[in-house]
Amino acid sequence: MPTFIFRAALLLSCFTQAAFAADYRIETVAEELSYPWSLAFLPGGEYLVAERDGQVQRLAADGSRRALTGVPETYFAGQGGFFDILLDPDFADNSIVYLSYAHGTPTDNGTGVVRARLSEAALEDPQLILLSDPSRDTPQHYGGRMLFLPDGTLLVTVGDGFEYREGAQDINQQLGKILRINSDGSIPQDNPFYAQGGPAAKVWTYGHRNPQGLAMDRQRNMVYMHEHGPRGGDEVNRVLPAKNYGWPAVTHGINYSGAYVSPFTEHPGMEPALKVWTPSIGPSGLAYYDGAAFPQWNNSLFVGALVNKDVRRLSLAAGKVTDEEILFAEIDMRIRDLRQGPDGLLYIITDGEQGSLLRVLPANAGENIRGREYKGSVTTDNHSR
């Protein structure tokens, strides 16, 4: 079949214009994934994909797959299920992986993290190393993204539980927080609120609604995150320990009913966002790009948009967002996750009952790996963010 080349349009954001275009093509790595949520790259060219309905697929480079056994049971309801899948920094030596998920029952659930050893076909010796405290009885706003810092500690995002948003401002609750733990689940003694003990000891940042993106510029040692607003007010922030990011005391969004959440969009002592989207784009998945395949995209954040069915490339300078470019709208599906692969290419997971794993390559990068080009189609998945 012929190869189709897409030229990324130079689209205006609210205040700025993207600097240049890039020639690329999009290939399908795997199709018919069931509510895929996240992606990890295994040595040798295989992939792990966590599916929200409670499976982890091990994908070969040719797209063939097997569902791993030994995975934990999950509360698959609303926005609950399996979330992020992450390799240990020493995976080559210890084969350890981490899986975040909705743990518990309809009346008693929270964001959990399991640590396990990956064998060829299973997660073995799983250990629950984190369960958010307090529990909730709602199936929304789990967060669930994970990121290893250079010191080997693990950041985990936890949403506010939807009905419990006031807890995001209480550091003695782990709702609406980014937590920091050691890889075995123990608590780092240099956490900002460690001395207070209890749930606060694991808190790294607070004042979040539903953070579903974490990424790091490791050269500059900067961590970025994004989170959903209600109706409007989606945010991108730089993550700094002990900082308060405002929710629900400050927000650019309003309640779904149309009522105000807060009259304030800023307040002393609360971190202002680097980027705000109103109306909401439904951000999910966040990648920092520094690869060789697309040098013109270096020092950019890539944000998936569930609502708009596209990807936003945010140019960075000195830790600030300077430009926004809309890319990959031709996919025309809800974007759940984005990752930079070890090959320097950009990988995209589309959401829904028939999700896909896609790969973005330069237009002139050799032959099509699977012999055909991806063509987007409209998803009918209506699961909320």
Protein backbone atom coordinates (compact mmCIF):
# COMPACT_ATOMS: atom_id res chain seq x y z
CA MET A 1 0.00 0.00 0.00
CA PRO A 2 1.20 3.55 -0.56
CA THR A 3 2.86 5.51 2.20
CA PHE A 4 1.08 8.68 3.18
CA ILE A 5 3.07 11.57 4.63
CA PHE A 6 1.44 14.05 6.95
CA ARG A 7 2.77 17.57 7.36
CA ALA A 8 2.13 18.93 10.83
CA ALA A 9 0.25 22.19 10.45
CA LEU A 10 1.53 25.36 12.01
CA LEU A 11 -1.44 26.17 14.21
CA LEU A 12 -1.91 29.18 16.41
CA SER A 13 -2.34 28.76 20.13
CA CYS A 14 -4.10 31.51 22.05
CA PHE A 15 -1.05 33.74 22.07
CA THR A 16 1.77 32.16 20.05
CA GLN A 17 2.60 30.38 16.81
CA ALA A 18 4.56 27.15 16.48
CA ALA A 19 7.99 27.71 14.98
CA PHE A 20 8.05 25.11 12.19
CA ALA A 21 6.50 22.02 10.71
CA ALA A 22 7.72 18.43 10.73
CA ASP A 23 7.22 15.65 8.19
CA TYR A 24 6.13 12.44 9.83
CA ARG A 25 4.17 9.30 9.31
CA ILE A 26 2.14 7.24 11.76
CA GLU A 27 2.30 3.45 11.87
CA THR A 28 0.15 0.97 13.75
CA VAL A 29 2.06 -1.33 16.09
CA ALA A 30 -0.99 -3.07 17.62
CA GLU A 31 -4.77 -2.82 17.39
CA GLU A 32 -7.79 -4.14 19.28
CA LEU A 33 -6.45 -3.26 22.71
CA SER A 34 -9.14 -3.04 25.38
CA TYR A 35 -9.11 0.39 27.04
CA PRO A 36 -5.29 0.67 26.94
CA TRP A 37 -3.99 3.16 29.49
CA SER A 38 -0.20 3.08 29.49
CA LEU A 39 2.92 1.76 27.83
CA ALA A 40 6.37 0.53 28.89
CA PHE A 41 9.28 -0.50 26.66
CA LEU A 42 11.00 -3.82 27.34
CA PRO A 43 14.59 -4.58 26.31
CA GLY A 44 14.67 -6.31 22.96
CA GLY A 45 11.82 -4.38 21.39
CA GLU A 46 8.77 -5.74 23.25
CA TYR A 47 6.14 -3.62 25.00
CA LEU A 48 3.95 -3.83 28.07
CA VAL A 49 0.49 -2.26 27.76
CA ALA A 50 -1.77 -1.93 30.79
CA GLU A 51 -5.45 -2.15 29.88
CA ARG A 52 -7.91 -0.47 32.19
CA ASP A 53 -10.25 -3.45 32.33
CA GLY A 54 -7.65 -5.44 34.24
CA GLN A 55 -5.09 -6.98 31.89
CA VAL A 56 -1.44 -6.35 31.06
CA GLN A 57 -0.53 -7.30 27.51
CA ARG A 58 2.99 -8.28 26.52
CA LEU A 59 3.37 -7.22 22.89
CA ALA A 60 6.04 -8.51 20.56
CA ALA A 61 7.62 -6.16 18.05
CA ASP A 62 5.32 -7.55 15.34
CA GLY A 63 2.21 -6.72 17.39
CA SER A 64 1.39 -10.25 18.57
CA ARG A 65 0.52 -10.45 22.26
CA ARG A 66 -0.15 -12.46 25.36
CA ALA A 67 -2.02 -11.39 28.50
CA LEU A 68 0.12 -11.77 31.61
CA THR A 69 -1.10 -13.88 34.49
CA GLY A 70 -0.56 -12.98 38.15
CA VAL A 71 -2.00 -9.47 37.83
CA PRO A 72 -3.95 -8.04 40.79
CA GLU A 73 -7.72 -7.81 40.86
CA THR A 74 -8.94 -4.29 40.17
CA TYR A 75 -12.08 -2.25 40.68
CA PHE A 76 -13.11 -1.74 37.06
CA ALA A 77 -15.87 0.86 37.21
CA GLY A 78 -16.23 4.51 36.21
CA GLN A 79 -12.62 5.61 35.73
CA GLY A 80 -11.24 2.73 37.80
CA GLY A 81 -9.07 -0.13 36.57
CA PHE A 82 -5.43 -0.59 35.64
CA PHE A 83 -3.48 2.63 35.12
CA ASP A 84 0.27 3.06 34.68
CA ILE A 85 2.90 0.38 34.01
CA LEU A 86 6.52 1.26 34.78
CA LEU A 87 9.87 -0.54 34.74
CA ASP A 88 12.27 -0.34 37.67
CA PRO A 89 15.38 1.74 36.89
CA ASP A 90 17.38 -1.48 37.42
CA PHE A 91 14.98 -3.63 35.39
CA ALA A 92 17.80 -5.19 33.36
CA ASP A 93 19.11 -6.73 36.58
CA ASN A 94 15.98 -7.29 38.69
CA SER A 95 13.04 -7.60 36.21
CA ILE A 96 10.86 -5.52 38.56
CA VAL A 97 7.80 -3.64 37.25
CA TYR A 98 5.24 -1.39 38.94
CA LEU A 99 1.53 -1.24 38.18
CA SER A 100 -0.88 1.39 39.51
CA TYR A 101 -4.56 0.56 39.65
CA ALA A 102 -7.91 1.07 41.38
CA HIS A 103 -7.72 -1.16 44.45
CA GLY A 104 -10.70 -2.26 46.50
CA THR A 105 -14.47 -2.31 46.28
CA PRO A 106 -17.27 0.15 45.41
CA THR A 107 -17.50 1.32 49.02
CA ASP A 108 -13.80 1.11 49.94
CA ASN A 109 -11.30 1.85 47.19
CA GLY A 110 -8.21 3.89 46.38
CA THR A 111 -5.15 4.23 44.18
CA GLY A 112 -2.79 1.30 44.69
CA VAL A 113 0.65 0.38 43.39
CA VAL A 114 1.86 -3.21 43.03
CA ARG A 115 5.51 -4.14 42.64
CA ALA A 116 6.19 -7.51 40.94
CA ARG A 117 8.81 -9.45 39.04
CA LEU A 118 8.14 -9.88 35.33
CA SER A 119 8.65 -13.36 33.91
CA GLU A 120 7.96 -14.34 30.33
CA ALA A 121 4.22 -14.74 30.91
CA ALA A 122 3.38 -13.47 34.41
CA LEU A 123 3.76 -10.92 37.17
CA GLU A 124 5.29 -12.93 39.98
CA ASP A 125 5.50 -12.24 43.73
CA PRO A 126 3.26 -9.14 43.58
CA GLN A 127 3.44 -6.83 46.60
CA LEU A 128 1.12 -3.93 47.35
CA ILE A 129 3.57 -1.13 48.18
CA LEU A 130 1.14 1.81 48.20
CA LEU A 131 -2.57 2.32 48.86
CA SER A 132 -3.87 5.86 49.12
CA ASP A 133 -5.26 6.90 52.50
CA PRO A 134 -8.14 7.55 53.19
CA SER A 135 -10.20 5.25 51.00
CA ARG A 136 -13.21 6.53 49.07
CA ASP A 137 -16.52 5.21 47.74
CA THR A 138 -16.37 6.85 44.31
CA PRO A 139 -15.03 5.38 41.04
CA GLN A 140 -13.53 8.62 39.70
CA HIS A 141 -10.34 10.69 39.89
CA TYR A 142 -7.64 8.17 40.77
CA GLY A 143 -4.66 9.90 39.15
CA GLY A 144 -2.45 6.85 38.76
CA ARG A 145 0.61 8.15 36.89
CA MET A 146 4.08 7.16 38.10
CA LEU A 147 7.60 8.49 37.54
CA PHE A 148 11.00 7.51 38.91
CA LEU A 149 13.23 10.37 40.01
CA PRO A 150 17.01 10.23 39.48
CA ASP A 151 17.50 9.31 43.16
CA GLY A 152 15.46 6.12 42.67
CA THR A 153 12.36 7.30 44.51
CA LEU A 154 8.94 6.93 42.93
CA LEU A 155 6.33 9.64 42.38
CA VAL A 156 2.67 8.54 42.21
CA THR A 157 -0.26 10.83 41.42
CA VAL A 158 -3.52 10.42 43.35
CA GLY A 159 -6.75 12.16 42.37
CA ASP A 160 -9.20 13.85 44.71
CA GLY A 161 -11.88 11.14 44.47
CA PHE A 162 -14.28 13.61 42.80
CA GLU A 163 -16.62 13.96 45.79
CA TYR A 164 -13.78 14.65 48.24
CA ARG A 165 -12.07 17.62 46.66
CA GLU A 166 -11.57 19.52 49.94
CA GLY A 167 -9.13 16.79 50.93
CA ALA A 168 -6.72 18.02 48.25
CA GLN A 169 -5.83 20.92 50.58
CA ASP A 170 -5.35 18.68 53.65
CA ILE A 171 -1.83 17.23 53.76
CA ASN A 172 -3.05 14.65 56.29
CA GLN A 173 -5.04 13.07 53.47
CA GLN A 174 -3.52 11.56 50.35
CA LEU A 175 -6.37 12.60 48.05
CA GLY A 176 -5.41 15.20 45.44
CA LYS A 177 -1.68 14.66 45.95
CA ILE A 178 1.55 13.56 44.36
CA LEU A 179 3.12 11.03 46.71
CA ARG A 180 6.79 10.03 46.92
CA ILE A 181 7.93 6.62 48.15
CA ASN A 182 10.98 4.41 47.87
CA SER A 183 10.84 1.58 45.36
CA ASP A 184 9.96 -0.90 48.12
CA GLY A 185 7.12 1.27 49.44
CA SER A 186 8.99 2.71 52.39
CA ILE A 187 8.95 6.47 52.99
CA PRO A 188 11.94 8.69 52.14
CA GLN A 189 12.97 10.62 55.23
CA ASP A 190 13.60 13.78 53.19
CA ASN A 191 9.94 14.04 52.12
CA PRO A 192 8.73 17.56 52.99
CA PHE A 193 6.12 16.45 55.54
CA TYR A 194 7.87 13.31 56.80
CA ALA A 195 8.11 14.61 60.37
CA GLN A 196 4.32 14.85 60.64
CA GLY A 197 3.97 11.10 60.16
CA GLY A 198 0.79 9.38 59.04
CA PRO A 199 -0.51 9.96 55.50
CA ALA A 200 1.34 13.30 55.29
CA ALA A 201 4.73 11.59 55.40
CA LYS A 202 4.36 10.42 51.79
CA VAL A 203 3.06 13.73 50.41
CA TRP A 204 5.32 15.46 47.86
CA THR A 205 2.86 18.07 46.50
CA TYR A 206 -0.79 18.86 47.12
CA GLY A 207 -3.78 20.78 45.79
CA HIS A 208 -4.42 18.57 42.73
CA ARG A 209 -7.69 17.47 41.14
CA ASN A 210 -6.99 14.50 38.86
CA PRO A 211 -3.35 14.42 37.68
CA GLN A 212 -2.88 12.00 34.78
CA GLY A 213 0.47 13.12 33.39
CA LEU A 214 4.03 13.02 34.76
CA ALA A 215 7.23 13.55 32.79
CA MET A 216 10.79 14.68 33.46
CA ASP A 217 13.41 16.72 31.66
CA ARG A 218 16.33 14.81 33.15
CA GLN A 219 18.99 17.08 31.66
CA ARG A 220 17.57 20.10 33.51
CA ASN A 221 16.16 18.09 36.44
CA MET A 222 12.63 19.44 35.94
CA VAL A 223 9.46 17.42 36.57
CA TYR A 224 6.21 18.38 34.85
CA MET A 225 2.65 17.22 35.43
CA HIS A 226 -0.81 17.95 34.12
CA GLU A 227 -4.22 17.54 35.65
CA HIS A 228 -7.86 17.77 34.68
CA GLY A 229 -9.91 20.77 35.61
CA PRO A 230 -13.70 20.47 35.89
CA ARG A 231 -15.36 22.46 33.07
CA GLY A 232 -12.21 24.26 31.98
CA GLY A 233 -9.04 24.79 33.93
CA ASP A 234 -6.92 21.87 32.73
CA GLU A 235 -3.37 22.65 33.88
CA VAL A 236 0.28 21.94 33.17
CA ASN A 237 2.56 22.56 36.16
CA ARG A 238 6.17 22.16 37.15
CA VAL A 239 6.40 19.83 40.14
CA LEU A 240 8.31 21.17 43.15
CA PRO A 241 8.26 19.50 46.59
CA ALA A 242 5.95 20.88 49.29
CA LYS A 243 4.16 23.19 46.86
CA ASN A 244 0.42 23.77 46.89
CA TYR A 245 -1.15 23.76 43.39
CA GLY A 246 -4.40 25.27 44.54
CA TRP A 247 -7.29 22.92 43.87
CA PRO A 248 -10.07 23.56 44.81
CA ALA A 249 -9.20 26.93 46.39
CA VAL A 250 -8.10 28.30 43.01
CA THR A 251 -9.12 27.12 39.55
CA HIS A 252 -9.83 28.42 36.05
CA GLY A 253 -12.72 25.96 35.73
CA ILE A 254 -16.30 25.76 36.98
CA ASN A 255 -18.49 22.92 38.23
CA TYR A 256 -20.27 20.74 35.70
CA SER A 257 -23.51 22.33 36.93
CA GLY A 258 -22.20 25.75 35.90
CA ALA A 259 -21.69 26.89 39.50
CA TYR A 260 -18.39 28.35 40.67
CA VAL A 261 -15.88 26.09 42.38
CA SER A 262 -13.95 29.12 43.57
CA PRO A 263 -13.96 32.81 42.66
CA PHE A 264 -10.15 32.77 42.61
CA THR A 265 -7.79 31.82 39.79
CA GLU A 266 -4.69 32.64 41.84
CA HIS A 267 -3.77 33.15 45.46
CA PRO A 268 -0.55 33.86 47.41
CA GLY A 269 1.21 30.66 48.42
CA MET A 270 -0.36 28.61 45.61
CA GLU A 271 1.57 27.75 42.46
CA PRO A 272 0.29 29.29 39.22
CA ALA A 273 -0.01 26.92 36.27
CA LEU A 274 2.45 27.05 33.36
CA LYS A 275 -0.41 26.41 30.95
CA VAL A 276 -4.21 26.43 31.30
CA TRP A 277 -6.82 25.14 28.85
CA THR A 278 -10.34 26.53 29.00
CA PRO A 279 -12.39 24.88 27.62
CA SER A 280 -10.92 21.57 28.70
CA ILE A 281 -8.97 19.35 26.33
CA GLY A 282 -9.02 16.36 28.73
CA PRO A 283 -5.25 15.85 29.15
CA SER A 284 -3.98 12.29 29.56
CA GLY A 285 -0.46 11.03 29.09
CA LEU A 286 2.58 13.28 29.11
CA ALA A 287 5.94 12.84 27.40
CA TYR A 288 9.05 15.00 27.46
CA TYR A 289 10.80 14.72 24.10
CA ASP A 290 14.58 14.92 23.66
CA GLY A 291 15.12 12.32 20.93
CA ALA A 292 17.18 12.41 17.76
CA ALA A 293 14.38 11.38 15.37
CA PHE A 294 12.68 14.79 15.54
CA PRO A 295 15.33 17.32 16.65
CA GLN A 296 12.91 20.18 15.96
CA TRP A 297 10.70 18.78 18.76
CA ASN A 298 13.44 18.71 21.38
CA ASN A 299 12.64 20.34 24.73
CA SER A 300 8.90 19.88 24.19
CA LEU A 301 6.08 18.34 26.21
CA PHE A 302 3.57 16.18 24.36
CA VAL A 303 0.09 16.11 25.91
CA GLY A 304 -2.68 13.76 24.82
CA ALA A 305 -6.15 15.30 24.46
CA LEU A 306 -9.07 13.00 25.19
CA VAL A 307 -11.72 15.57 24.34
CA ASN A 308 -10.17 17.09 21.21
CA LYS A 309 -8.74 13.81 19.86
CA ASP A 310 -5.34 15.30 19.11
CA VAL A 311 -1.94 15.90 20.70
CA ARG A 312 -0.59 19.21 21.98
CA ARG A 313 3.13 19.93 21.64
CA LEU A 314 4.22 22.52 24.17
CA SER A 315 7.57 24.21 23.52
CA LEU A 316 9.59 24.96 26.64
CA ALA A 317 12.15 27.63 27.46
CA ALA A 318 13.67 27.96 30.93
CA GLY A 319 10.93 25.74 32.33
CA LYS A 320 8.12 27.88 30.86
CA VAL A 321 5.63 27.03 28.11
CA THR A 322 6.23 29.33 25.14
CA ASP A 323 4.27 27.79 22.24
CA GLU A 324 1.51 25.29 21.55
CA GLU A 325 1.15 23.23 18.38
CA ILE A 326 -1.74 20.86 17.58
CA LEU A 327 -0.55 17.57 16.04
CA PHE A 328 -1.90 14.20 14.87
CA ALA A 329 -5.53 15.29 14.55
CA GLU A 330 -5.79 12.85 11.65
CA ILE A 331 -5.82 10.00 14.17
CA ASP A 332 -9.26 11.27 15.27
CA MET A 333 -9.38 9.19 18.46
CA ARG A 334 -9.09 9.94 22.15
CA ILE A 335 -5.39 10.02 23.11
CA ARG A 336 -4.69 8.19 26.37
CA ASP A 337 -0.89 7.98 26.64
CA LEU A 338 2.30 9.18 24.96
CA ARG A 339 5.87 8.01 25.45
CA GLN A 340 9.25 8.61 23.87
CA GLY A 341 10.69 5.23 22.99
CA PRO A 342 14.31 4.14 23.45
CA ASP A 343 14.56 4.49 19.65
CA GLY A 344 13.81 8.23 19.91
CA LEU A 345 10.39 7.81 18.26
CA LEU A 346 7.10 8.98 19.70
CA TYR A 347 4.53 6.36 20.70
CA ILE A 348 0.81 7.02 21.14
CA ILE A 349 -1.94 4.96 22.77
CA THR A 350 -5.51 5.64 21.69
CA ASP A 351 -8.29 5.11 24.18
CA GLY A 352 -11.39 2.97 24.02
CA GLU A 353 -12.75 -0.52 23.64
CA GLN A 354 -10.75 -0.84 20.39
CA GLY A 355 -7.60 1.08 21.26
CA SER A 356 -4.32 1.06 19.34
CA LEU A 357 -0.60 1.49 19.87
CA LEU A 358 0.83 3.84 17.25
CA ARG A 359 4.35 4.93 16.37
CA VAL A 360 5.34 8.31 14.89
CA LEU A 361 8.37 8.26 12.58
CA PRO A 362 10.06 10.82 10.32
CA ALA A 363 8.50 10.60 6.87
CA ASN A 364 11.78 9.47 5.29
CA ALA A 365 12.70 6.87 7.95
CA GLY A 366 12.97 3.78 5.77
CA GLU A 367 10.24 1.30 4.94
CA ASN A 368 6.96 1.02 6.78
CA ILE A 369 7.64 -1.52 9.52
CA ARG A 370 4.26 -3.27 9.24
CA GLY A 371 3.66 -2.55 5.58
CA ARG A 372 0.75 -0.16 5.97
CA GLU A 373 -0.12 3.25 7.29
CA TYR A 374 -2.44 4.02 10.18
CA LYS A 375 -5.77 5.58 9.29
CA GLY A 376 -7.69 7.09 12.19
CA SER A 377 -11.34 6.34 12.90
CA VAL A 378 -13.86 7.83 15.28
CA THR A 379 -14.18 6.10 18.63
CA THR A 380 -17.54 5.73 20.33
CA ASP A 381 -16.02 5.38 23.80
CA ASN A 382 -17.65 7.84 26.16
CA HIS A 383 -15.88 7.00 29.40
CA SER A 384 -15.16 10.17 31.32
CA ARG A 385 -11.70 11.41 32.18
